[in-house]
Amino acid sequence: MRTLAAVLSKKEDMYVAECPEVGTVSQGRTVEEAVANLKEATELYLEEFPLDGGRRPIITTFAAAEGAAG
C-alpha cells in the first residue's frame, strides 16, 4: 500500500482529480467520487505499470503573480 497525492479542480459541475506521481486522471460529481474514481484508475494503471522502487517525484508549490506580463 502506498499513499499518493490527488490534485483536484472544479470544471463546471464536475471535479477533476489527478495523481501527479502516476499521471492518472479521473472525475466525479463530488470530491469523494472523484477521488474514489482516481483511486480505481490508479490501481488499474499500477497493475500494468508498477512504480519504480522507492523513487518518487518531488512535488512542491510556488507562487505566481496573476496577470503578470511575460
N, C-alpha and C. Protein backbone atom coordinates (compact mmCIF):
# COMPACT_ATOMS: atom_id res chain seq x y z
N MET A 1 0.86 -1.18 0.00
CA MET A 1 0.00 0.00 0.00
C MET A 1 0.89 1.23 0.00
N ARG A 2 0.54 2.21 -0.82
CA ARG A 2 1.33 3.44 -0.95
C ARG A 2 0.38 4.62 -0.92
N THR A 3 0.77 5.69 -0.26
CA THR A 3 -0.03 6.91 -0.23
C THR A 3 0.41 7.80 -1.38
N LEU A 4 -0.55 8.23 -2.19
CA LEU A 4 -0.27 9.09 -3.34
C LEU A 4 -1.07 10.38 -3.20
N ALA A 5 -0.68 11.39 -3.96
CA ALA A 5 -1.35 12.69 -3.91
C ALA A 5 -2.49 12.74 -4.93
N ALA A 6 -3.50 13.53 -4.60
CA ALA A 6 -4.60 13.81 -5.53
C ALA A 6 -4.75 15.32 -5.61
N VAL A 7 -4.71 15.86 -6.82
CA VAL A 7 -4.90 17.29 -7.06
C VAL A 7 -6.26 17.44 -7.71
N LEU A 8 -7.13 18.24 -7.10
CA LEU A 8 -8.50 18.39 -7.61
C LEU A 8 -8.76 19.80 -8.10
N SER A 9 -9.57 19.88 -9.15
CA SER A 9 -10.04 21.17 -9.66
C SER A 9 -11.49 21.00 -10.08
N LYS A 10 -12.21 22.09 -10.06
CA LYS A 10 -13.64 22.04 -10.43
C LYS A 10 -13.78 22.52 -11.87
N LYS A 11 -14.44 21.74 -12.69
CA LYS A 11 -14.72 22.06 -14.09
C LYS A 11 -16.22 21.98 -14.29
N GLU A 12 -16.87 23.13 -14.36
CA GLU A 12 -18.32 23.21 -14.46
C GLU A 12 -18.97 22.46 -13.31
N ASP A 13 -19.68 21.38 -13.56
CA ASP A 13 -20.37 20.66 -12.48
C ASP A 13 -19.65 19.38 -12.06
N MET A 14 -18.39 19.23 -12.47
CA MET A 14 -17.62 18.02 -12.14
C MET A 14 -16.31 18.41 -11.45
N TYR A 15 -15.80 17.49 -10.63
CA TYR A 15 -14.48 17.63 -10.06
C TYR A 15 -13.53 16.73 -10.85
N VAL A 16 -12.38 17.27 -11.21
CA VAL A 16 -11.35 16.52 -11.92
C VAL A 16 -10.24 16.24 -10.92
N ALA A 17 -9.84 14.99 -10.80
CA ALA A 17 -8.79 14.58 -9.87
C ALA A 17 -7.63 13.99 -10.66
N GLU A 18 -6.42 14.42 -10.30
CA GLU A 18 -5.21 13.94 -10.98
C GLU A 18 -4.20 13.47 -9.94
N CYS A 19 -3.54 12.37 -10.24
CA CYS A 19 -2.46 11.86 -9.41
C CYS A 19 -1.14 12.24 -10.08
N PRO A 20 -0.43 13.26 -9.56
CA PRO A 20 0.78 13.72 -10.24
C PRO A 20 1.92 12.71 -10.23
N GLU A 21 1.97 11.82 -9.24
CA GLU A 21 3.05 10.83 -9.20
C GLU A 21 2.93 9.82 -10.32
N VAL A 22 1.70 9.52 -10.74
CA VAL A 22 1.47 8.46 -11.72
C VAL A 22 1.02 9.03 -13.07
N GLY A 23 0.27 10.13 -13.03
CA GLY A 23 -0.24 10.73 -14.25
C GLY A 23 -1.67 10.33 -14.58
N THR A 24 -2.33 9.62 -13.66
CA THR A 24 -3.71 9.23 -13.90
C THR A 24 -4.66 10.38 -13.59
N VAL A 25 -5.79 10.40 -14.29
CA VAL A 25 -6.80 11.44 -14.14
C VAL A 25 -8.17 10.80 -14.15
N SER A 26 -9.08 11.32 -13.33
CA SER A 26 -10.46 10.87 -13.33
C SER A 26 -11.35 12.03 -12.90
N GLN A 27 -12.65 11.77 -12.79
CA GLN A 27 -13.57 12.84 -12.41
C GLN A 27 -14.75 12.26 -11.65
N GLY A 28 -15.53 13.15 -11.05
CA GLY A 28 -16.73 12.75 -10.33
C GLY A 28 -17.58 13.97 -10.02
N ARG A 29 -18.82 13.74 -9.65
CA ARG A 29 -19.72 14.85 -9.32
C ARG A 29 -19.43 15.46 -7.96
N THR A 30 -18.77 14.70 -7.08
CA THR A 30 -18.36 15.19 -5.77
C THR A 30 -16.85 14.95 -5.62
N VAL A 31 -16.26 15.62 -4.62
CA VAL A 31 -14.84 15.39 -4.34
C VAL A 31 -14.61 13.92 -4.01
N GLU A 32 -15.48 13.36 -3.18
CA GLU A 32 -15.32 11.96 -2.76
C GLU A 32 -15.40 11.01 -3.95
N GLU A 33 -16.35 11.26 -4.85
CA GLU A 33 -16.49 10.41 -6.03
C GLU A 33 -15.28 10.56 -6.95
N ALA A 34 -14.79 11.77 -7.13
CA ALA A 34 -13.63 11.99 -7.99
C ALA A 34 -12.40 11.27 -7.44
N VAL A 35 -12.19 11.34 -6.12
CA VAL A 35 -11.04 10.67 -5.52
C VAL A 35 -11.20 9.15 -5.59
N ALA A 36 -12.40 8.65 -5.35
CA ALA A 36 -12.64 7.20 -5.46
C ALA A 36 -12.39 6.71 -6.89
N ASN A 37 -12.84 7.48 -7.88
CA ASN A 37 -12.61 7.11 -9.28
C ASN A 37 -11.12 7.19 -9.63
N LEU A 38 -10.43 8.18 -9.08
CA LEU A 38 -8.98 8.30 -9.31
C LEU A 38 -8.25 7.11 -8.68
N LYS A 39 -8.66 6.72 -7.49
CA LYS A 39 -8.05 5.55 -6.83
C LYS A 39 -8.21 4.30 -7.69
N GLU A 40 -9.41 4.09 -8.20
CA GLU A 40 -9.65 2.92 -9.05
C GLU A 40 -8.79 2.98 -10.32
N ALA A 41 -8.77 4.14 -10.98
CA ALA A 41 -7.98 4.29 -12.21
C ALA A 41 -6.50 4.08 -11.93
N THR A 42 -6.02 4.60 -10.81
CA THR A 42 -4.60 4.48 -10.48
C THR A 42 -4.24 3.04 -10.15
N GLU A 43 -5.09 2.35 -9.41
CA GLU A 43 -4.82 0.95 -9.10
C GLU A 43 -4.78 0.09 -10.36
N LEU A 44 -5.69 0.35 -11.30
CA LEU A 44 -5.67 -0.38 -12.57
C LEU A 44 -4.39 -0.08 -13.35
N TYR A 45 -3.99 1.18 -13.37
CA TYR A 45 -2.76 1.57 -14.06
C TYR A 45 -1.56 0.88 -13.44
N LEU A 46 -1.49 0.88 -12.09
CA LEU A 46 -0.33 0.31 -11.41
C LEU A 46 -0.25 -1.21 -11.55
N GLU A 47 -1.36 -1.87 -11.87
CA GLU A 47 -1.29 -3.31 -12.15
C GLU A 47 -0.44 -3.57 -13.39
N GLU A 48 -0.53 -2.69 -14.36
CA GLU A 48 0.23 -2.84 -15.61
C GLU A 48 1.61 -2.18 -15.55
N PHE A 49 1.69 -1.07 -14.83
CA PHE A 49 2.92 -0.27 -14.79
C PHE A 49 3.29 0.06 -13.34
N PRO A 50 3.87 -0.90 -12.61
CA PRO A 50 4.22 -0.65 -11.21
C PRO A 50 5.22 0.50 -11.08
N LEU A 51 5.16 1.20 -9.94
CA LEU A 51 6.10 2.28 -9.69
C LEU A 51 7.49 1.70 -9.49
N ASP A 52 8.48 2.44 -9.91
CA ASP A 52 9.88 2.03 -9.85
C ASP A 52 10.41 2.17 -8.43
N GLY A 53 10.66 1.05 -7.77
CA GLY A 53 11.28 1.03 -6.45
C GLY A 53 10.73 2.07 -5.51
N GLY A 54 11.61 2.79 -4.84
CA GLY A 54 11.20 3.81 -3.89
C GLY A 54 11.25 5.21 -4.47
N ARG A 55 11.59 5.34 -5.74
CA ARG A 55 11.70 6.68 -6.33
C ARG A 55 10.35 7.34 -6.42
N ARG A 56 10.30 8.58 -5.99
CA ARG A 56 9.07 9.36 -6.06
C ARG A 56 9.41 10.73 -6.60
N PRO A 57 8.52 11.31 -7.38
CA PRO A 57 8.80 12.65 -7.88
C PRO A 57 8.76 13.67 -6.73
N ILE A 58 9.40 14.79 -6.94
CA ILE A 58 9.34 15.88 -5.97
C ILE A 58 8.15 16.75 -6.33
N ILE A 59 7.24 16.93 -5.38
CA ILE A 59 6.07 17.76 -5.61
C ILE A 59 6.16 18.94 -4.66
N THR A 60 6.06 20.14 -5.19
CA THR A 60 6.15 21.35 -4.39
C THR A 60 5.14 22.37 -4.90
N THR A 61 5.12 23.52 -4.30
CA THR A 61 4.24 24.60 -4.77
C THR A 61 5.09 25.84 -5.02
N PHE A 62 4.54 26.79 -5.77
CA PHE A 62 5.20 28.06 -5.99
C PHE A 62 4.15 29.12 -6.20
N ALA A 63 4.53 30.38 -5.98
CA ALA A 63 3.60 31.50 -6.15
C ALA A 63 3.89 32.19 -7.47
N ALA A 64 2.84 32.58 -8.15
CA ALA A 64 2.99 33.32 -9.40
C ALA A 64 2.00 34.48 -9.37
N ALA A 65 2.44 35.65 -9.79
CA ALA A 65 1.58 36.80 -9.83
C ALA A 65 0.56 36.63 -10.94
N GLU A 66 -0.69 36.93 -10.62
CA GLU A 66 -1.75 36.83 -11.63
C GLU A 66 -1.68 38.06 -12.54
N GLY A 67 -1.87 37.81 -13.82
CA GLY A 67 -1.89 38.91 -14.78
C GLY A 67 -0.52 39.50 -15.06
N ALA A 68 0.55 38.81 -14.65
CA ALA A 68 1.89 39.30 -14.88
C ALA A 68 2.22 39.21 -16.37
N ALA A 69 2.84 40.26 -16.88
CA ALA A 69 3.27 40.26 -18.29
C ALA A 69 4.48 39.38 -18.43
N GLY A 70 4.50 38.56 -19.50
CA GLY A 70 5.57 37.60 -19.72
C GLY A 70 6.84 38.24 -20.00
